[in-house]
Amino acid sequence: MDLFVVLKYGLGVVATIGLYSVLYKENKFYRFWEHVFLGIAAGYLTVSLWQETLYESWWLKVTGSIATVDKAGNVAVPAVPGYWAYALLLPIGMLGYLVFSKKHNWASRIPVSIIIGLWAGQQAQAWGNRYLKQVADSMRPILPNTSELFVPSPPANGFSLSQKYQIDSTVYVSQALSNLVFVFTLVCVISYFLFSFEAKSKTMKFMTTSGRWLLMVGFGAIFGSTVMMRFSLLIDQMYFVFQEAPMKVYEQFQSKPAAAPVTPPVNPPVTPPK
């Protein structure tokens, strides 16, 4: 019996029950496992910060690495030179701890300003790459240019380049209907957020009301997918508690200890007659 496997799965079940016990009421058993979970998470994040971020992105760039040679004497991984300019990031980062000093706490704003500036630049670039593509994709054709209803399915050997170009440049009836629903939803939702003027006409009132209902449908779908994801996590954890962990522990108790190897008897050497 492997005692480590029994302790691992047993503590996993107890920790799961302890964390879910808060659904009944606040208790000390839940508090204990909450502190254990937070402590393990803090330790894991600290080690992960060094191994996956500081060591890879900073320490190796400062020190570099030597070349590794295989058994045949060939260079498997070439040497990487170190750049000592990266060492200047250490004192800049250490300035952040001066926030605890009343006299020099102003210096802690230097690394914060650098981080916020870099983050703002990255977010501006990410915003353009993410949302400008969505704005361009919202301009969709709503009139079909063919009488065919659906996009043809590809044959076994696939489409040729000319066939792919023809399919991509053709707006089928099913695509036109899908684009029409998309454009109608987009225009109605945008009209719901136009507060510059009062919607007095029946058309604007209909569009704003439709936009509100379509928003509720979208939020409901997002909420439903979120609940389904949470329930999938709950189902997996309950499977661990009621199925996986008991089976693993049962297998350990049913396993027989390995028998000691039997050494064959050693016969005494036979001396030949003289």
Protein backbone atom coordinates (compact mmCIF):
# COMPACT_ATOMS: atom_id res chain seq x y z
CA MET A 1 0.00 0.00 0.00
CA ASP A 2 1.32 3.40 -1.00
CA LEU A 3 0.66 5.66 1.98
CA PHE A 4 1.39 8.81 -0.03
CA VAL A 5 -1.44 8.07 -2.48
CA VAL A 6 -3.89 7.48 0.38
CA LEU A 7 -2.91 10.74 2.10
CA LYS A 8 -3.02 12.70 -1.15
CA TYR A 9 -6.52 11.64 -2.14
CA GLY A 10 -7.79 11.66 1.45
CA LEU A 11 -6.64 15.23 2.08
CA GLY A 12 -8.06 16.24 -1.30
CA VAL A 13 -11.50 14.96 -0.31
CA VAL A 14 -11.35 16.56 3.15
CA ALA A 15 -10.21 19.89 1.68
CA THR A 16 -13.01 19.84 -0.90
CA ILE A 17 -15.65 19.14 1.74
CA GLY A 18 -14.16 21.84 3.98
CA LEU A 19 -14.25 24.51 1.28
CA TYR A 20 -17.80 23.60 0.23
CA SER A 21 -18.98 23.63 3.85
CA VAL A 22 -19.32 27.42 3.63
CA LEU A 23 -22.49 26.81 1.59
CA TYR A 24 -24.09 25.63 4.84
CA LYS A 25 -22.76 28.39 7.09
CA GLU A 26 -19.55 30.09 8.17
CA ASN A 27 -17.46 27.70 10.26
CA LYS A 28 -13.93 27.21 11.52
CA PHE A 29 -13.43 24.11 9.40
CA TYR A 30 -13.93 26.21 6.26
CA ARG A 31 -11.68 28.96 7.61
CA PHE A 32 -8.86 26.48 8.22
CA TRP A 33 -8.92 25.10 4.68
CA GLU A 34 -9.33 28.58 3.26
CA HIS A 35 -6.09 29.67 4.95
CA VAL A 36 -4.37 26.48 3.78
CA PHE A 37 -5.51 27.12 0.21
CA LEU A 38 -4.40 30.76 0.28
CA GLY A 39 -1.04 29.83 1.80
CA ILE A 40 -0.36 27.18 -0.83
CA ALA A 41 -1.48 29.55 -3.59
CA ALA A 42 0.82 32.31 -2.30
CA GLY A 43 3.78 29.94 -2.15
CA TYR A 44 3.05 28.53 -5.59
CA LEU A 45 2.74 32.00 -7.12
CA THR A 46 6.03 33.07 -5.53
CA VAL A 47 7.90 30.08 -6.96
CA SER A 48 6.12 30.45 -10.30
CA LEU A 49 7.03 34.15 -10.43
CA TRP A 50 10.72 33.31 -10.12
CA GLN A 51 10.84 30.25 -12.37
CA GLU A 52 8.56 31.42 -15.18
CA THR A 53 9.09 35.19 -15.14
CA LEU A 54 12.15 36.48 -13.31
CA TYR A 55 14.46 33.57 -14.11
CA GLU A 56 13.51 33.23 -17.76
CA SER A 57 12.93 36.89 -18.66
CA TRP A 58 15.51 38.60 -16.44
CA TRP A 59 18.16 36.40 -14.79
CA LEU A 60 19.13 34.44 -17.91
CA LYS A 61 19.36 37.66 -19.90
CA VAL A 62 21.74 39.10 -17.30
CA THR A 63 23.99 36.07 -16.86
CA GLY A 64 23.56 34.36 -20.21
CA SER A 65 24.07 30.63 -20.62
CA ILE A 66 26.93 28.40 -21.64
CA ALA A 67 26.81 26.02 -24.58
CA THR A 68 25.79 22.43 -24.01
CA VAL A 69 27.55 19.60 -25.83
CA ASP A 70 26.08 16.19 -26.58
CA LYS A 71 27.88 12.86 -26.24
CA ALA A 72 29.33 13.09 -29.73
CA GLY A 73 30.99 16.41 -28.93
CA ASN A 74 28.63 18.51 -31.06
CA VAL A 75 27.08 21.72 -29.76
CA ALA A 76 23.47 20.91 -28.85
CA VAL A 77 22.48 24.34 -27.51
CA PRO A 78 24.64 27.34 -28.44
CA ALA A 79 25.86 29.78 -25.83
CA VAL A 80 23.84 32.92 -25.17
CA PRO A 81 25.70 36.08 -24.11
CA GLY A 82 24.59 37.99 -21.05
CA TYR A 83 23.57 41.64 -21.13
CA TRP A 84 24.42 43.45 -17.91
CA ALA A 85 22.16 46.35 -18.85
CA TYR A 86 19.24 44.23 -17.64
CA ALA A 87 20.76 44.38 -14.13
CA LEU A 88 19.69 48.04 -13.96
CA LEU A 89 16.10 46.85 -13.68
CA LEU A 90 16.78 45.46 -10.19
CA PRO A 91 17.41 48.79 -8.39
CA ILE A 92 14.51 50.37 -10.29
CA GLY A 93 12.22 47.60 -9.12
CA MET A 94 13.54 47.79 -5.55
CA LEU A 95 12.46 51.44 -5.44
CA GLY A 96 8.90 50.17 -5.12
CA TYR A 97 9.63 49.01 -1.55
CA LEU A 98 10.36 52.62 -0.53
CA VAL A 99 6.60 53.07 -0.23
CA PHE A 100 7.08 51.99 3.40
CA SER A 101 9.46 54.93 4.01
CA LYS A 102 7.94 58.26 5.02
CA LYS A 103 10.96 60.19 3.80
CA HIS A 104 11.62 58.51 0.45
CA ASN A 105 8.17 57.21 -0.50
CA TRP A 106 8.17 59.52 -3.52
CA ALA A 107 10.73 57.24 -5.18
CA SER A 108 8.26 54.35 -5.18
CA ARG A 109 6.26 56.16 -7.87
CA ILE A 110 9.07 55.73 -10.41
CA PRO A 111 8.62 51.98 -11.08
CA VAL A 112 4.85 52.38 -10.83
CA SER A 113 4.89 55.10 -13.51
CA ILE A 114 7.09 52.96 -15.77
CA ILE A 115 4.79 49.95 -15.39
CA ILE A 116 1.63 52.00 -16.00
CA GLY A 117 3.18 53.68 -19.04
CA LEU A 118 4.21 50.36 -20.59
CA TRP A 119 0.83 48.85 -19.76
CA ALA A 120 -1.03 51.80 -21.32
CA GLY A 121 0.97 51.48 -24.53
CA GLN A 122 0.36 47.74 -24.72
CA GLN A 123 -3.36 48.17 -24.06
CA ALA A 124 -3.66 50.83 -26.77
CA GLN A 125 -2.07 48.46 -29.27
CA ALA A 126 -4.16 45.53 -28.04
CA TRP A 127 -7.34 47.64 -28.27
CA GLY A 128 -6.62 48.45 -31.89
CA ASN A 129 -5.80 44.86 -32.78
CA ARG A 130 -8.90 43.55 -31.01
CA TYR A 131 -11.70 46.04 -31.66
CA LEU A 132 -10.79 47.58 -35.01
CA LYS A 133 -11.03 44.12 -36.54
CA GLN A 134 -14.49 43.75 -35.02
CA VAL A 135 -15.58 47.11 -36.45
CA ALA A 136 -14.34 46.10 -39.89
CA ASP A 137 -16.03 42.70 -39.60
CA SER A 138 -19.38 44.33 -38.75
CA MET A 139 -19.66 45.63 -42.33
CA ARG A 140 -21.28 42.51 -43.76
CA PRO A 141 -23.30 42.09 -46.97
CA ILE A 142 -27.00 41.40 -46.45
CA LEU A 143 -27.99 40.81 -50.09
CA PRO A 144 -27.16 37.44 -51.68
CA ASN A 145 -25.59 37.36 -55.12
CA THR A 146 -26.59 33.76 -55.87
CA SER A 147 -29.73 31.65 -55.67
CA GLU A 148 -28.01 28.82 -53.81
CA LEU A 149 -29.15 28.48 -50.20
CA PHE A 150 -26.12 27.06 -48.40
CA VAL A 151 -22.36 27.05 -48.75
CA PRO A 152 -21.31 23.88 -50.60
CA SER A 153 -19.58 21.26 -48.52
CA PRO A 154 -15.98 20.49 -49.51
CA PRO A 155 -15.28 17.27 -51.43
CA ALA A 156 -12.98 14.55 -50.18
CA ASN A 157 -9.92 16.05 -51.89
CA GLY A 158 -10.83 19.64 -50.91
CA PHE A 159 -11.51 22.71 -53.01
CA SER A 160 -9.11 24.07 -55.57
CA LEU A 161 -7.81 27.63 -55.32
CA SER A 162 -10.25 28.90 -57.94
CA GLN A 163 -13.17 27.21 -56.16
CA LYS A 164 -12.13 28.69 -52.81
CA TYR A 165 -11.94 32.16 -54.35
CA GLN A 166 -15.37 31.74 -55.92
CA ILE A 167 -16.93 30.53 -52.65
CA ASP A 168 -15.34 33.36 -50.64
CA SER A 169 -16.61 35.98 -53.09
CA THR A 170 -20.14 34.55 -53.15
CA VAL A 171 -22.84 35.57 -50.65
CA TYR A 172 -25.22 32.65 -50.24
CA VAL A 173 -28.80 32.99 -49.00
CA SER A 174 -28.04 31.46 -45.60
CA GLN A 175 -25.08 33.80 -45.16
CA ALA A 176 -27.21 36.80 -46.14
CA LEU A 177 -29.89 35.90 -43.57
CA SER A 178 -27.26 35.41 -40.86
CA ASN A 179 -25.64 38.75 -41.75
CA LEU A 180 -29.05 40.45 -41.72
CA VAL A 181 -29.75 39.23 -38.18
CA PHE A 182 -26.28 40.36 -37.12
CA VAL A 183 -26.59 43.84 -38.63
CA PHE A 184 -30.12 44.29 -37.21
CA THR A 185 -28.90 43.33 -33.74
CA LEU A 186 -25.88 45.62 -34.03
CA VAL A 187 -27.92 48.65 -35.14
CA CYS A 188 -30.63 48.11 -32.48
CA VAL A 189 -28.13 47.71 -29.65
CA ILE A 190 -26.18 50.79 -30.75
CA SER A 191 -29.41 52.82 -31.00
CA TYR A 192 -30.26 51.83 -27.42
CA PHE A 193 -27.13 53.67 -26.21
CA LEU A 194 -27.77 56.87 -28.16
CA PHE A 195 -28.64 59.36 -25.41
CA SER A 196 -27.93 62.51 -27.43
CA PHE A 197 -31.57 62.95 -28.42
CA GLU A 198 -34.95 61.68 -27.31
CA ALA A 199 -36.42 58.85 -29.34
CA LYS A 200 -39.84 60.21 -30.33
CA SER A 201 -40.47 58.40 -33.60
CA LYS A 202 -42.00 54.95 -33.60
CA THR A 203 -39.05 53.58 -35.56
CA MET A 204 -36.49 54.72 -32.98
CA LYS A 205 -38.66 53.49 -30.11
CA PHE A 206 -38.99 50.11 -31.80
CA MET A 207 -35.24 49.92 -32.37
CA THR A 208 -34.34 50.92 -28.81
CA THR A 209 -36.85 48.45 -27.37
CA SER A 210 -35.53 45.71 -29.64
CA GLY A 211 -31.98 46.60 -28.62
CA ARG A 212 -32.89 46.28 -24.94
CA TRP A 213 -34.45 42.86 -25.50
CA LEU A 214 -31.52 41.68 -27.62
CA LEU A 215 -29.13 42.83 -24.90
CA MET A 216 -31.06 40.79 -22.35
CA VAL A 217 -30.85 37.76 -24.64
CA GLY A 218 -27.10 38.22 -24.98
CA PHE A 219 -26.59 38.71 -21.24
CA GLY A 220 -28.75 35.67 -20.54
CA ALA A 221 -26.66 33.55 -22.90
CA ILE A 222 -23.45 34.76 -21.24
CA PHE A 223 -24.86 34.08 -17.78
CA GLY A 224 -26.06 30.64 -18.85
CA SER A 225 -22.65 29.70 -20.24
CA THR A 226 -21.03 30.93 -17.02
CA VAL A 227 -23.37 28.82 -14.89
CA MET A 228 -22.72 25.80 -17.10
CA MET A 229 -18.98 26.27 -16.71
CA ARG A 230 -19.32 26.51 -12.91
CA PHE A 231 -21.48 23.39 -12.83
CA SER A 232 -18.95 21.51 -14.95
CA LEU A 233 -16.28 22.36 -12.36
CA LEU A 234 -18.63 21.22 -9.59
CA ILE A 235 -19.39 17.96 -11.38
CA ASP A 236 -15.69 17.25 -11.89
CA GLN A 237 -15.00 17.90 -8.21
CA MET A 238 -17.90 15.72 -7.07
CA TYR A 239 -16.61 12.97 -9.37
CA PHE A 240 -13.27 13.28 -7.60
CA VAL A 241 -14.89 13.07 -4.15
CA PHE A 242 -17.34 10.22 -4.78
CA GLN A 243 -15.68 8.22 -7.55
CA GLU A 244 -11.99 8.83 -8.22
CA ALA A 245 -10.64 9.22 -4.67
CA PRO A 246 -12.51 6.22 -3.15
CA MET A 247 -11.41 3.99 -6.03
CA LYS A 248 -7.77 5.03 -5.68
CA VAL A 249 -7.81 4.45 -1.92
CA TYR A 250 -9.61 1.11 -2.37
CA GLU A 251 -7.01 -0.01 -4.90
CA GLN A 252 -4.24 0.80 -2.45
CA PHE A 253 -5.85 -1.27 0.31
CA GLN A 254 -6.49 -4.16 -2.06
CA SER A 255 -2.97 -4.20 -3.47
CA LYS A 256 -0.75 -6.86 -2.02
CA PRO A 257 2.79 -6.05 -0.93
CA ALA A 258 5.43 -7.12 -3.34
CA ALA A 259 7.04 -10.40 -2.40
CA ALA A 260 10.69 -10.37 -1.55
CA PRO A 261 12.88 -11.69 -4.35
CA VAL A 262 13.93 -15.29 -3.83
CA THR A 263 17.64 -15.81 -4.20
CA PRO A 264 18.60 -19.19 -5.59
CA PRO A 265 20.80 -21.34 -3.37
CA VAL A 266 24.46 -21.13 -4.07
CA ASN A 267 26.03 -24.54 -4.55
CA PRO A 268 29.51 -25.01 -3.14
CA PRO A 269 32.26 -25.28 -5.70
CA VAL A 270 33.11 -28.80 -6.69
CA THR A 271 36.79 -29.62 -6.52
CA PRO A 272 37.92 -32.03 -9.21
CA PRO A 273 39.52 -35.26 -7.99
CA LYS A 274 43.26 -35.49 -8.13
